[in-house]
N, C-alpha and C. Protein backbone atom coordinates (compact mmCIF):
# COMPACT_ATOMS: atom_id res chain seq x y z
N MET A 1 0.90 -1.20 0.00
CA MET A 1 -0.02 -0.01 -0.03
C MET A 1 0.87 1.31 0.05
N SER A 2 0.71 2.20 -0.88
CA SER A 2 1.38 3.42 -0.99
C SER A 2 1.26 4.23 0.22
N GLU A 3 2.15 4.99 0.64
CA GLU A 3 2.15 5.90 1.64
C GLU A 3 0.96 6.89 1.72
N ALA A 4 0.75 7.46 0.51
CA ALA A 4 -0.41 8.51 0.41
C ALA A 4 -1.83 7.77 0.58
N ARG A 5 -1.80 6.51 0.08
CA ARG A 5 -3.17 5.91 0.42
C ARG A 5 -3.25 5.39 1.94
N ARG A 6 -2.15 5.10 2.53
CA ARG A 6 -2.30 4.63 3.76
C ARG A 6 -2.60 6.02 4.79
N GLU A 7 -2.18 7.15 4.27
CA GLU A 7 -2.51 8.44 4.90
C GLU A 7 -3.88 8.76 4.89
N ILE A 8 -4.44 8.67 3.76
CA ILE A 8 -5.86 8.90 3.59
C ILE A 8 -6.75 7.93 4.28
N LEU A 9 -6.50 6.73 4.42
CA LEU A 9 -7.27 5.62 5.09
C LEU A 9 -7.23 6.03 6.70
N ASN A 10 -5.96 6.44 7.09
CA ASN A 10 -5.78 6.75 8.64
C ASN A 10 -6.71 7.98 8.87
N ARG A 11 -6.90 8.99 8.03
CA ARG A 11 -7.59 10.16 8.25
C ARG A 11 -9.10 9.80 8.21
N LEU A 12 -9.56 8.92 7.42
CA LEU A 12 -10.83 8.42 7.38
C LEU A 12 -11.24 7.80 8.76
N LYS A 13 -10.32 6.93 9.13
CA LYS A 13 -10.63 6.26 10.54
C LYS A 13 -10.64 7.17 11.61
N ASN A 14 -9.93 8.30 11.50
CA ASN A 14 -10.01 9.04 12.60
C ASN A 14 -10.93 10.19 12.63
N THR A 15 -11.69 10.22 11.58
CA THR A 15 -12.69 11.23 11.55
C THR A 15 -13.80 10.88 12.61
N ILE A 16 -14.28 11.98 13.23
CA ILE A 16 -15.37 11.89 14.07
C ILE A 16 -16.72 12.11 13.37
N HIS A 17 -17.61 11.12 13.54
CA HIS A 17 -18.81 11.23 12.78
C HIS A 17 -19.95 11.36 13.79
N ASN A 18 -20.50 12.57 13.82
CA ASN A 18 -21.62 12.82 14.73
C ASN A 18 -22.86 12.31 14.50
N VAL A 19 -23.44 11.78 15.39
CA VAL A 19 -24.92 11.17 15.15
C VAL A 19 -25.90 12.29 15.14
N PRO A 20 -26.44 12.52 13.98
CA PRO A 20 -27.46 13.52 14.03
C PRO A 20 -28.58 13.33 15.07
N GLY A 21 -29.18 14.51 15.40
CA GLY A 21 -30.31 14.52 16.42
C GLY A 21 -31.52 13.93 15.71
N LYS A 22 -32.52 13.49 16.52
CA LYS A 22 -33.78 13.05 15.98
C LYS A 22 -34.55 14.23 15.30
N PRO A 23 -34.98 14.17 14.17
CA PRO A 23 -35.81 15.35 13.62
C PRO A 23 -37.04 15.64 14.32
N ASN A 24 -37.54 16.89 14.46
CA ASN A 24 -38.82 17.07 14.98
C ASN A 24 -39.87 17.23 13.87
N PHE A 25 -40.63 16.16 13.74
CA PHE A 25 -41.56 16.05 12.66
C PHE A 25 -42.78 16.96 13.15
N ASP A 26 -43.00 17.58 14.13
CA ASP A 26 -44.00 18.33 14.59
C ASP A 26 -43.55 19.81 14.22
N ALA A 27 -42.39 20.10 13.97
CA ALA A 27 -41.99 21.51 13.76
C ALA A 27 -42.55 21.93 12.37
N PRO A 28 -42.93 23.33 12.33
CA PRO A 28 -43.30 23.76 11.04
C PRO A 28 -42.45 23.54 9.92
N VAL A 29 -42.95 23.33 8.74
CA VAL A 29 -42.11 23.04 7.54
C VAL A 29 -41.53 24.42 6.97
N TYR A 30 -42.52 25.16 7.03
CA TYR A 30 -42.21 26.59 6.32
C TYR A 30 -41.65 27.72 7.35
N HIS A 31 -40.90 28.72 6.89
CA HIS A 31 -40.54 29.81 7.64
C HIS A 31 -41.83 30.64 7.98
N PRO A 32 -41.97 31.18 9.20
CA PRO A 32 -43.29 31.95 9.44
C PRO A 32 -43.37 33.20 8.61
N VAL A 33 -44.58 33.63 8.19
CA VAL A 33 -44.78 34.79 7.61
C VAL A 33 -45.30 35.75 8.56
N HIS A 34 -44.46 36.75 8.85
CA HIS A 34 -44.69 37.85 9.99
C HIS A 34 -45.43 38.94 9.50
N GLN A 35 -45.41 39.30 8.25
CA GLN A 35 -45.94 40.58 7.76
C GLN A 35 -47.54 40.36 7.49
N PRO A 36 -48.24 41.36 7.20
CA PRO A 36 -49.56 41.11 6.65
C PRO A 36 -49.35 40.39 5.25
N LEU A 37 -50.35 39.55 4.96
CA LEU A 37 -50.02 38.61 3.77
C LEU A 37 -49.86 39.42 2.48
N GLU A 38 -50.65 40.46 2.39
CA GLU A 38 -50.61 41.11 1.06
C GLU A 38 -49.13 41.72 0.80
N ILE A 39 -48.49 42.20 2.07
CA ILE A 39 -47.14 42.80 1.90
C ILE A 39 -46.20 41.66 1.59
N ALA A 40 -46.30 40.56 2.39
CA ALA A 40 -45.37 39.55 2.18
C ALA A 40 -45.49 38.94 0.78
N PHE A 41 -46.75 38.96 0.11
CA PHE A 41 -46.98 38.57 -1.18
C PHE A 41 -46.04 39.37 -2.11
N LYS A 42 -46.38 40.75 -1.90
CA LYS A 42 -45.84 41.67 -2.91
C LYS A 42 -44.27 41.61 -2.81
N GLU A 43 -43.74 41.54 -1.67
CA GLU A 43 -42.09 41.48 -1.55
C GLU A 43 -41.75 40.30 -2.26
N LYS A 44 -42.33 39.11 -2.02
CA LYS A 44 -41.71 37.87 -2.53
C LYS A 44 -41.98 38.01 -4.18
N LEU A 45 -43.10 38.39 -4.59
CA LEU A 45 -43.34 38.33 -6.12
C LEU A 45 -42.33 39.22 -6.67
N GLU A 46 -42.08 40.52 -6.19
CA GLU A 46 -41.31 41.51 -6.81
C GLU A 46 -39.91 41.14 -6.88
N GLU A 47 -39.44 40.18 -5.85
CA GLU A 47 -37.96 39.63 -5.93
C GLU A 47 -37.90 38.78 -7.17
N LEU A 48 -39.06 38.38 -7.82
CA LEU A 48 -38.84 37.45 -8.87
C LEU A 48 -39.39 38.14 -10.18
N ASN A 49 -39.21 39.56 -10.17
CA ASN A 49 -39.53 40.38 -11.42
C ASN A 49 -41.18 40.48 -11.73
N GLY A 50 -42.00 40.14 -10.82
CA GLY A 50 -43.31 40.29 -10.96
C GLY A 50 -43.67 41.75 -10.38
N SER A 51 -44.90 42.16 -10.67
CA SER A 51 -45.35 43.63 -10.22
C SER A 51 -46.61 43.29 -9.37
N VAL A 52 -46.62 43.92 -8.17
CA VAL A 52 -47.94 43.87 -7.32
C VAL A 52 -48.39 45.39 -6.92
N TYR A 53 -49.83 45.58 -7.21
CA TYR A 53 -50.20 46.95 -6.86
C TYR A 53 -51.47 46.55 -5.74
N LEU A 54 -51.26 47.29 -4.74
CA LEU A 54 -52.32 47.13 -3.63
C LEU A 54 -53.36 48.42 -3.61
N PHE A 55 -54.48 48.15 -3.61
CA PHE A 55 -55.51 49.21 -3.53
C PHE A 55 -56.50 49.01 -2.26
N GLU A 56 -56.97 50.17 -1.79
CA GLU A 56 -57.89 50.20 -0.69
C GLU A 56 -59.28 49.82 -1.09
N SER A 57 -59.58 49.97 -2.34
CA SER A 57 -60.95 49.73 -2.83
C SER A 57 -60.89 49.06 -4.31
N GLU A 58 -62.01 48.39 -4.67
CA GLU A 58 -61.91 47.88 -6.09
C GLU A 58 -62.02 49.11 -7.00
N GLU A 59 -62.79 50.20 -6.71
CA GLU A 59 -62.86 51.35 -7.58
C GLU A 59 -61.52 51.99 -7.81
N ALA A 60 -60.70 51.96 -6.95
CA ALA A 60 -59.30 52.66 -7.02
C ALA A 60 -58.45 51.79 -7.84
N LEU A 61 -58.68 50.37 -7.72
CA LEU A 61 -57.92 49.49 -8.62
C LEU A 61 -58.27 49.57 -10.02
N PHE A 62 -59.52 49.63 -10.35
CA PHE A 62 -60.08 49.78 -11.78
C PHE A 62 -59.67 51.09 -12.35
N ALA A 63 -59.78 52.02 -11.49
CA ALA A 63 -59.31 53.35 -12.03
C ALA A 63 -57.77 53.46 -12.47
N GLU A 64 -56.94 52.73 -11.63
CA GLU A 64 -55.60 52.69 -12.14
C GLU A 64 -55.35 51.83 -13.17
N LEU A 65 -56.21 50.56 -13.27
CA LEU A 65 -56.15 49.81 -14.42
C LEU A 65 -56.47 50.60 -15.76
N LYS A 66 -57.36 51.40 -15.63
CA LYS A 66 -57.81 52.10 -16.91
C LYS A 66 -56.80 52.97 -17.37
N THR A 67 -56.04 53.69 -16.44
CA THR A 67 -54.94 54.48 -16.88
C THR A 67 -53.84 53.68 -17.47
N ARG A 68 -53.46 52.68 -16.99
CA ARG A 68 -52.35 51.87 -17.41
C ARG A 68 -52.71 51.12 -18.83
N LEU A 69 -53.99 50.70 -19.02
CA LEU A 69 -54.43 50.28 -20.21
C LEU A 69 -54.54 51.15 -21.39
N ALA A 70 -54.59 52.47 -20.99
CA ALA A 70 -54.86 53.52 -22.21
C ALA A 70 -54.09 53.30 -23.39
N LYS A 71 -52.79 52.87 -23.30
CA LYS A 71 -51.83 52.89 -24.35
C LYS A 71 -51.99 51.73 -25.16
N TYR A 72 -52.86 50.71 -24.85
CA TYR A 72 -53.06 49.67 -25.76
C TYR A 72 -54.37 49.69 -26.58
N ASN A 73 -54.19 49.01 -27.78
CA ASN A 73 -55.36 49.03 -28.56
C ASN A 73 -56.32 47.99 -27.90
N SER A 74 -57.64 48.43 -27.78
CA SER A 74 -58.66 47.64 -27.12
C SER A 74 -58.79 46.27 -27.72
N ASN A 75 -58.55 46.17 -29.00
CA ASN A 75 -58.73 44.78 -29.76
C ASN A 75 -57.68 43.95 -29.29
N ASN A 76 -56.65 44.34 -28.62
CA ASN A 76 -55.46 43.45 -28.29
C ASN A 76 -55.43 43.23 -26.60
N ILE A 77 -56.50 43.89 -26.06
CA ILE A 77 -56.76 43.46 -24.55
C ILE A 77 -57.78 42.49 -24.46
N CYS A 78 -57.55 41.26 -23.85
CA CYS A 78 -58.46 40.12 -23.84
C CYS A 78 -59.05 39.78 -22.47
N CYS A 79 -60.19 39.66 -22.21
CA CYS A 79 -60.62 39.38 -20.99
C CYS A 79 -61.90 38.19 -21.21
N ALA A 80 -62.04 37.07 -20.47
CA ALA A 80 -63.18 36.26 -20.70
C ALA A 80 -63.95 35.95 -19.43
N GLU A 81 -63.57 36.45 -18.36
CA GLU A 81 -64.11 36.23 -16.99
C GLU A 81 -65.29 37.30 -16.82
N GLU A 82 -66.53 36.87 -16.68
CA GLU A 82 -67.65 37.71 -16.67
C GLU A 82 -67.69 38.70 -15.50
N ALA A 83 -67.07 38.25 -14.30
CA ALA A 83 -67.27 39.27 -13.28
C ALA A 83 -66.15 40.47 -13.41
N ILE A 84 -65.01 40.01 -14.14
CA ILE A 84 -64.04 41.10 -14.38
C ILE A 84 -64.56 41.93 -15.66
N LYS A 85 -65.16 41.27 -16.74
CA LYS A 85 -65.73 42.05 -17.84
C LYS A 85 -66.68 42.99 -17.25
N SER A 86 -67.59 42.56 -16.39
CA SER A 86 -68.51 43.69 -15.85
C SER A 86 -68.04 44.88 -15.20
N ARG A 87 -66.92 44.65 -14.48
CA ARG A 87 -66.36 45.84 -13.81
C ARG A 87 -65.61 46.56 -14.97
N LEU A 88 -64.95 46.09 -15.83
CA LEU A 88 -64.35 46.79 -17.11
C LEU A 88 -65.26 47.55 -17.69
N LYS A 89 -66.60 47.12 -17.92
CA LYS A 89 -67.47 47.87 -18.64
C LYS A 89 -67.99 49.02 -17.91
N THR A 90 -68.17 48.79 -16.51
CA THR A 90 -68.72 49.78 -15.59
C THR A 90 -67.84 51.10 -15.60
N MET A 91 -66.37 50.73 -15.50
CA MET A 91 -65.38 51.70 -15.62
C MET A 91 -64.90 52.14 -16.92
N GLN A 92 -65.76 51.84 -17.91
CA GLN A 92 -65.49 52.18 -19.47
C GLN A 92 -64.24 51.98 -19.89
N ILE A 93 -63.54 50.70 -19.43
CA ILE A 93 -62.24 50.43 -19.83
C ILE A 93 -62.44 49.45 -21.13
N PRO A 94 -61.94 49.87 -22.33
CA PRO A 94 -62.18 49.14 -23.42
C PRO A 94 -61.41 47.75 -23.47
N PHE A 95 -62.10 46.73 -23.98
CA PHE A 95 -61.41 45.45 -24.15
C PHE A 95 -62.12 44.66 -25.04
N SER A 96 -61.50 43.48 -25.39
CA SER A 96 -62.15 42.60 -26.37
C SER A 96 -62.47 41.23 -25.68
N ASN A 97 -63.61 40.56 -26.00
CA ASN A 97 -63.93 39.16 -25.36
C ASN A 97 -62.84 38.08 -25.88
N CYS A 98 -62.43 38.48 -27.11
CA CYS A 98 -61.31 37.60 -27.81
C CYS A 98 -61.70 35.89 -27.72
N LYS A 99 -62.93 35.70 -28.33
CA LYS A 99 -63.25 34.35 -28.45
C LYS A 99 -62.12 33.57 -29.19
N LYS A 100 -61.40 34.18 -30.20
CA LYS A 100 -60.23 33.81 -30.79
C LYS A 100 -59.21 34.68 -30.55
N LEU A 101 -58.11 34.37 -29.91
CA LEU A 101 -57.11 35.30 -29.50
C LEU A 101 -56.36 35.86 -30.83
N PRO A 102 -56.20 37.10 -30.85
CA PRO A 102 -55.73 37.80 -31.96
C PRO A 102 -54.21 37.41 -31.86
N GLU A 103 -53.40 37.42 -32.97
CA GLU A 103 -52.09 37.29 -33.17
C GLU A 103 -51.28 38.56 -32.56
N THR A 104 -52.13 39.58 -32.52
CA THR A 104 -51.44 40.91 -32.04
C THR A 104 -51.76 41.06 -30.48
N ILE A 105 -52.16 40.00 -29.80
CA ILE A 105 -52.58 40.20 -28.58
C ILE A 105 -51.58 40.83 -27.66
N GLU A 106 -51.96 41.68 -26.79
CA GLU A 106 -50.94 42.43 -25.96
C GLU A 106 -51.00 42.19 -24.48
N VAL A 107 -52.40 42.24 -23.99
CA VAL A 107 -52.77 41.98 -22.57
C VAL A 107 -53.87 40.96 -22.43
N GLY A 108 -53.61 40.15 -21.41
CA GLY A 108 -54.68 39.12 -21.03
C GLY A 108 -55.01 39.50 -19.55
N ILE A 109 -56.31 39.55 -19.20
CA ILE A 109 -56.65 39.88 -17.87
C ILE A 109 -57.52 38.77 -17.43
N THR A 110 -57.20 38.23 -16.29
CA THR A 110 -57.78 37.12 -15.70
C THR A 110 -57.91 37.39 -14.05
N GLY A 111 -58.59 36.50 -13.49
CA GLY A 111 -58.66 36.22 -12.07
C GLY A 111 -57.79 35.21 -11.68
N CYS A 112 -57.87 34.64 -10.51
CA CYS A 112 -57.02 33.68 -9.95
C CYS A 112 -57.80 32.87 -8.99
N GLU A 113 -57.18 31.74 -8.64
CA GLU A 113 -58.00 30.92 -7.52
C GLU A 113 -57.46 31.43 -6.14
N PHE A 114 -56.24 31.56 -5.94
CA PHE A 114 -55.49 32.10 -4.65
C PHE A 114 -54.09 32.71 -5.06
N LEU A 115 -53.69 33.51 -4.07
CA LEU A 115 -52.21 33.94 -4.08
C LEU A 115 -51.56 33.52 -2.96
N ILE A 116 -50.37 33.03 -3.13
CA ILE A 116 -49.72 32.31 -1.97
C ILE A 116 -48.55 33.35 -1.44
N ALA A 117 -48.62 33.82 -0.25
CA ALA A 117 -47.65 34.75 0.21
C ALA A 117 -46.19 34.23 0.32
N HIS A 118 -46.07 33.01 0.71
CA HIS A 118 -44.78 32.31 1.09
C HIS A 118 -43.97 32.40 -0.06
N THR A 119 -44.51 32.11 -1.33
CA THR A 119 -43.63 31.89 -2.50
C THR A 119 -43.91 32.89 -3.67
N GLY A 120 -44.91 33.83 -3.27
CA GLY A 120 -45.21 34.86 -4.35
C GLY A 120 -45.81 34.22 -5.59
N SER A 121 -46.72 33.30 -5.36
CA SER A 121 -47.29 32.48 -6.60
C SER A 121 -48.76 32.95 -6.75
N ALA A 122 -49.26 32.80 -7.71
CA ALA A 122 -50.77 32.92 -8.14
C ALA A 122 -51.01 31.60 -8.67
N MET A 123 -52.03 30.97 -7.93
CA MET A 123 -52.75 29.68 -8.40
C MET A 123 -53.86 30.01 -9.31
N VAL A 124 -53.79 29.50 -10.42
CA VAL A 124 -54.90 29.48 -11.48
C VAL A 124 -55.37 28.18 -11.81
N SER A 125 -56.45 28.19 -12.49
CA SER A 125 -56.90 26.74 -13.01
C SER A 125 -57.73 26.92 -14.38
N SER A 126 -57.79 25.78 -15.04
CA SER A 126 -58.67 25.54 -16.18
C SER A 126 -60.14 25.75 -15.94
N ALA A 127 -60.66 25.82 -14.62
CA ALA A 127 -62.00 26.03 -14.46
C ALA A 127 -62.21 27.46 -14.69
N GLN A 128 -61.48 28.45 -14.54
CA GLN A 128 -61.67 29.98 -14.71
C GLN A 128 -62.09 30.00 -16.24
N GLU A 129 -63.06 30.93 -16.37
CA GLU A 129 -63.81 31.28 -17.57
C GLU A 129 -62.52 31.79 -18.57
N GLY A 130 -62.39 31.16 -19.84
CA GLY A 130 -61.39 31.47 -20.66
C GLY A 130 -60.29 30.32 -20.61
N GLY A 131 -60.52 29.46 -19.60
CA GLY A 131 -59.53 28.32 -19.61
C GLY A 131 -58.10 28.82 -19.51
N ARG A 132 -57.15 28.00 -20.25
CA ARG A 132 -55.67 28.15 -20.12
C ARG A 132 -55.10 29.26 -20.81
N ARG A 133 -55.90 29.65 -21.95
CA ARG A 133 -55.15 30.43 -22.96
C ARG A 133 -54.58 31.69 -22.43
N LEU A 134 -55.31 32.51 -21.62
CA LEU A 134 -54.86 33.89 -21.17
C LEU A 134 -53.76 33.83 -20.17
N PHE A 135 -53.46 32.66 -19.70
CA PHE A 135 -52.21 32.34 -18.76
C PHE A 135 -50.95 32.40 -19.53
N VAL A 136 -51.00 31.99 -20.99
CA VAL A 136 -49.90 31.65 -21.53
C VAL A 136 -49.44 32.60 -22.85
N TYR A 137 -50.52 33.10 -23.46
CA TYR A 137 -50.18 33.86 -24.75
C TYR A 137 -49.90 35.22 -24.63
N PRO A 138 -50.52 35.93 -23.89
CA PRO A 138 -50.27 37.45 -23.94
C PRO A 138 -48.93 37.87 -23.32
N PRO A 139 -48.31 38.83 -24.11
CA PRO A 139 -46.92 39.32 -23.46
C PRO A 139 -47.09 39.86 -21.99
N LEU A 140 -48.24 40.46 -21.75
CA LEU A 140 -48.56 40.98 -20.37
C LEU A 140 -49.75 40.24 -19.75
N HIS A 141 -49.59 39.73 -18.71
CA HIS A 141 -50.75 38.90 -17.84
C HIS A 141 -50.95 39.90 -16.76
N ILE A 142 -52.28 40.29 -16.69
CA ILE A 142 -52.74 40.99 -15.52
C ILE A 142 -53.69 40.25 -14.66
N ILE A 143 -53.44 39.91 -13.54
CA ILE A 143 -54.46 39.16 -12.72
C ILE A 143 -55.21 40.11 -11.56
N ILE A 144 -56.36 40.09 -11.56
CA ILE A 144 -57.31 40.90 -10.69
C ILE A 144 -57.58 39.91 -9.48
N ALA A 145 -57.21 40.42 -8.23
CA ALA A 145 -57.53 39.52 -7.11
C ALA A 145 -57.79 40.33 -5.88
N ALA A 146 -58.50 39.58 -4.96
CA ALA A 146 -58.94 40.36 -3.62
C ALA A 146 -58.07 39.88 -2.42
N LYS A 147 -57.84 40.72 -1.44
CA LYS A 147 -57.10 40.24 -0.32
C LYS A 147 -57.57 39.09 0.27
N LYS A 148 -58.77 38.65 0.28
CA LYS A 148 -59.42 37.43 0.85
C LYS A 148 -58.80 36.22 0.18
N GLN A 149 -58.29 36.39 -1.09
CA GLN A 149 -57.70 35.24 -1.90
C GLN A 149 -56.21 34.94 -1.44
N ILE A 150 -55.54 35.74 -0.63
CA ILE A 150 -54.25 35.53 -0.23
C ILE A 150 -54.24 34.57 0.97
N VAL A 151 -53.41 33.47 0.59
CA VAL A 151 -53.12 32.56 1.90
C VAL A 151 -51.69 32.55 2.17
N ASP A 152 -51.22 32.16 3.38
CA ASP A 152 -49.92 32.09 3.57
C ASP A 152 -48.99 31.14 3.01
N TYR A 153 -49.60 29.80 2.85
CA TYR A 153 -48.77 28.80 2.40
C TYR A 153 -49.54 27.97 1.44
N LEU A 154 -48.67 27.14 0.58
CA LEU A 154 -49.36 26.50 -0.55
C LEU A 154 -50.21 25.42 -0.08
N GLU A 155 -49.94 24.96 1.08
CA GLU A 155 -50.98 23.74 1.59
C GLU A 155 -52.33 24.37 1.72
N LYS A 156 -52.46 25.57 2.24
CA LYS A 156 -53.77 26.06 2.33
C LYS A 156 -54.43 26.52 1.04
N ALA A 157 -53.83 26.85 0.11
CA ALA A 157 -54.15 26.97 -1.19
C ALA A 157 -54.83 25.78 -1.80
N TYR A 158 -54.18 24.62 -1.64
CA TYR A 158 -54.67 23.39 -2.15
C TYR A 158 -55.74 22.82 -1.42
N LEU A 159 -55.72 23.19 -0.19
CA LEU A 159 -57.07 22.79 0.59
C LEU A 159 -58.36 23.71 0.22
N GLY A 160 -57.96 24.93 0.10
CA GLY A 160 -59.09 25.79 -0.49
C GLY A 160 -59.65 25.42 -1.70
N ILE A 161 -58.78 25.00 -2.76
CA ILE A 161 -59.11 24.52 -4.10
C ILE A 161 -60.07 23.20 -3.87
N GLN A 162 -59.61 22.38 -3.05
CA GLN A 162 -60.23 21.02 -2.82
C GLN A 162 -61.74 21.30 -2.34
N LYS A 163 -61.79 22.44 -1.30
CA LYS A 163 -63.05 22.63 -0.79
C LYS A 163 -63.97 23.33 -1.76
N LYS A 164 -63.47 24.10 -2.69
CA LYS A 164 -64.13 24.98 -3.63
C LYS A 164 -64.76 23.98 -4.67
N TYR A 165 -64.02 23.08 -5.29
CA TYR A 165 -64.55 22.11 -6.35
C TYR A 165 -64.79 20.86 -5.88
N ALA A 166 -64.58 20.38 -4.69
CA ALA A 166 -65.01 18.94 -4.20
C ALA A 166 -64.50 18.03 -5.07
N ASP A 167 -65.62 17.27 -5.56
CA ASP A 167 -65.14 16.04 -6.44
C ASP A 167 -65.07 16.47 -7.98
N ASN A 168 -65.05 17.62 -8.18
CA ASN A 168 -64.98 18.06 -9.53
C ASN A 168 -63.81 19.00 -9.92
N LEU A 169 -62.62 18.67 -9.47
CA LEU A 169 -61.37 19.50 -9.44
C LEU A 169 -61.19 19.87 -11.09
N PRO A 170 -60.56 20.91 -11.26
CA PRO A 170 -60.27 21.24 -12.63
C PRO A 170 -59.20 20.33 -13.19
N SER A 171 -59.18 20.23 -14.58
CA SER A 171 -58.15 19.39 -15.03
C SER A 171 -56.86 19.82 -14.94
N GLN A 172 -56.58 21.22 -14.91
CA GLN A 172 -55.30 21.70 -14.69
C GLN A 172 -55.17 22.77 -13.53
N ILE A 173 -54.40 22.61 -12.71
CA ILE A 173 -54.15 23.88 -11.59
C ILE A 173 -52.55 24.01 -11.71
N THR A 174 -52.41 25.32 -11.78
CA THR A 174 -51.01 25.86 -12.23
C THR A 174 -50.65 27.04 -11.32
N LEU A 175 -49.39 26.93 -10.84
CA LEU A 175 -48.77 27.97 -10.08
C LEU A 175 -48.02 28.96 -11.09
N ILE A 176 -48.30 30.17 -11.01
CA ILE A 176 -47.49 31.10 -11.72
C ILE A 176 -46.67 31.91 -10.78
N THR A 177 -45.33 32.04 -10.78
CA THR A 177 -44.56 32.68 -10.03
C THR A 177 -43.55 33.61 -10.71
N GLY A 178 -44.02 34.81 -11.03
CA GLY A 178 -43.25 35.73 -11.71
C GLY A 178 -43.40 35.56 -13.34
N PRO A 179 -42.87 36.35 -14.13
CA PRO A 179 -42.92 36.11 -15.64
C PRO A 179 -42.22 34.82 -16.00
N SER A 180 -42.72 34.30 -17.13
CA SER A 180 -42.03 32.96 -17.56
C SER A 180 -40.37 33.16 -17.79
N ARG A 181 -39.65 32.22 -17.62
CA ARG A 181 -38.27 32.30 -17.74
C ARG A 181 -37.55 30.97 -17.88
N THR A 182 -36.40 31.00 -18.47
CA THR A 182 -35.64 29.82 -18.48
C THR A 182 -34.11 30.20 -18.52
N ALA A 183 -33.28 29.31 -18.25
CA ALA A 183 -31.74 29.61 -18.24
C ALA A 183 -31.18 28.37 -18.89
N ASP A 184 -31.87 27.61 -19.67
CA ASP A 184 -31.43 26.42 -20.28
C ASP A 184 -30.37 26.54 -21.31
N ILE A 185 -30.29 27.89 -21.70
CA ILE A 185 -29.31 28.07 -22.94
C ILE A 185 -28.08 28.82 -22.29
N GLU A 186 -27.01 28.16 -22.23
CA GLU A 186 -25.81 28.69 -21.60
C GLU A 186 -26.01 29.37 -20.35
N LYS A 187 -26.85 28.95 -19.61
CA LYS A 187 -27.18 29.36 -18.05
C LYS A 187 -27.42 30.92 -18.10
N THR A 188 -27.96 31.41 -19.24
CA THR A 188 -28.37 32.83 -19.22
C THR A 188 -29.95 32.98 -19.02
N LEU A 189 -30.23 33.83 -18.10
CA LEU A 189 -31.65 33.87 -17.85
C LEU A 189 -32.38 34.75 -18.91
N ILE A 190 -33.59 34.23 -19.39
CA ILE A 190 -34.32 34.67 -20.46
C ILE A 190 -35.69 34.89 -19.87
N ILE A 191 -36.11 36.00 -19.87
CA ILE A 191 -37.65 36.35 -19.43
C ILE A 191 -38.61 36.31 -20.53
N GLY A 192 -39.67 35.72 -20.30
CA GLY A 192 -40.59 35.63 -21.34
C GLY A 192 -40.35 34.57 -22.45
N ALA A 193 -39.64 33.59 -22.11
CA ALA A 193 -39.27 32.51 -23.11
C ALA A 193 -40.38 31.55 -23.51
N HIS A 194 -41.30 31.32 -22.61
CA HIS A 194 -42.47 30.38 -22.97
C HIS A 194 -43.80 30.91 -22.44
N GLY A 195 -43.88 32.03 -22.41
CA GLY A 195 -45.15 32.68 -21.68
C GLY A 195 -45.00 34.13 -21.56
N PRO A 196 -45.89 34.62 -20.72
CA PRO A 196 -45.93 36.26 -20.57
C PRO A 196 -44.49 36.70 -20.26
N LYS A 197 -43.96 37.92 -20.62
CA LYS A 197 -42.90 38.55 -20.31
C LYS A 197 -42.93 39.41 -19.17
N GLU A 198 -44.37 39.79 -18.84
CA GLU A 198 -44.68 40.55 -17.62
C GLU A 198 -45.80 39.90 -16.87
N LEU A 199 -45.78 39.99 -15.55
CA LEU A 199 -46.91 39.58 -14.67
C LEU A 199 -47.24 40.72 -13.74
N GLN A 200 -48.51 41.21 -13.78
CA GLN A 200 -48.96 42.21 -12.86
C GLN A 200 -50.09 41.71 -12.19
N ILE A 201 -49.92 41.98 -10.84
CA ILE A 201 -51.23 41.66 -10.11
C ILE A 201 -51.71 42.74 -9.33
N PHE A 202 -53.00 43.04 -9.32
CA PHE A 202 -53.87 44.18 -8.86
C PHE A 202 -54.67 43.53 -7.72
N ILE A 203 -54.52 44.14 -6.48
CA ILE A 203 -55.22 43.44 -5.40
C ILE A 203 -55.97 44.62 -4.62
N SER A 204 -57.21 44.30 -4.34
CA SER A 204 -57.88 45.19 -3.59
C SER A 204 -58.60 44.50 -2.41
């Protein structure tokens, strides 16, 4: 046996291996959320290149939305959810029903199932009016949500969606955490590689 090999083996023999303590399976899995949920959600999503806007009322939310959408052609602003469409009409915000998505689509407006503060994720599903299309195709995806839809952890969102749909769960439940991205090519981060380049969430 070579001297170098003998030295390595001796070092291994003399290594102290500490026995790990017994894990506490009753301890919380997640870090606690100490802030108000809407603030924690905003901070987490904005770390991931998403944008969150908080409003004291639904009226203030749609007034701001009207201002932000003024620069877009209404034919390229698509919304399929009746509750949101009703509010857009009330606030005289031009948009299109987009039964067939135009190739020139710029903005997709949807609701969501839940917002998860811990990860900054929006949970959406195929049960929402308009199905999956508006989560994927528009360069700008705008989500309209209420504070009551924000939960602290993913577990609560899944429990909530099970309670909501019972034995008729949607065929697709998706988590959206910021704009789409990939770093598959030369480890370079590309935003908007296979979905919206921008994600904006309006909460009242």
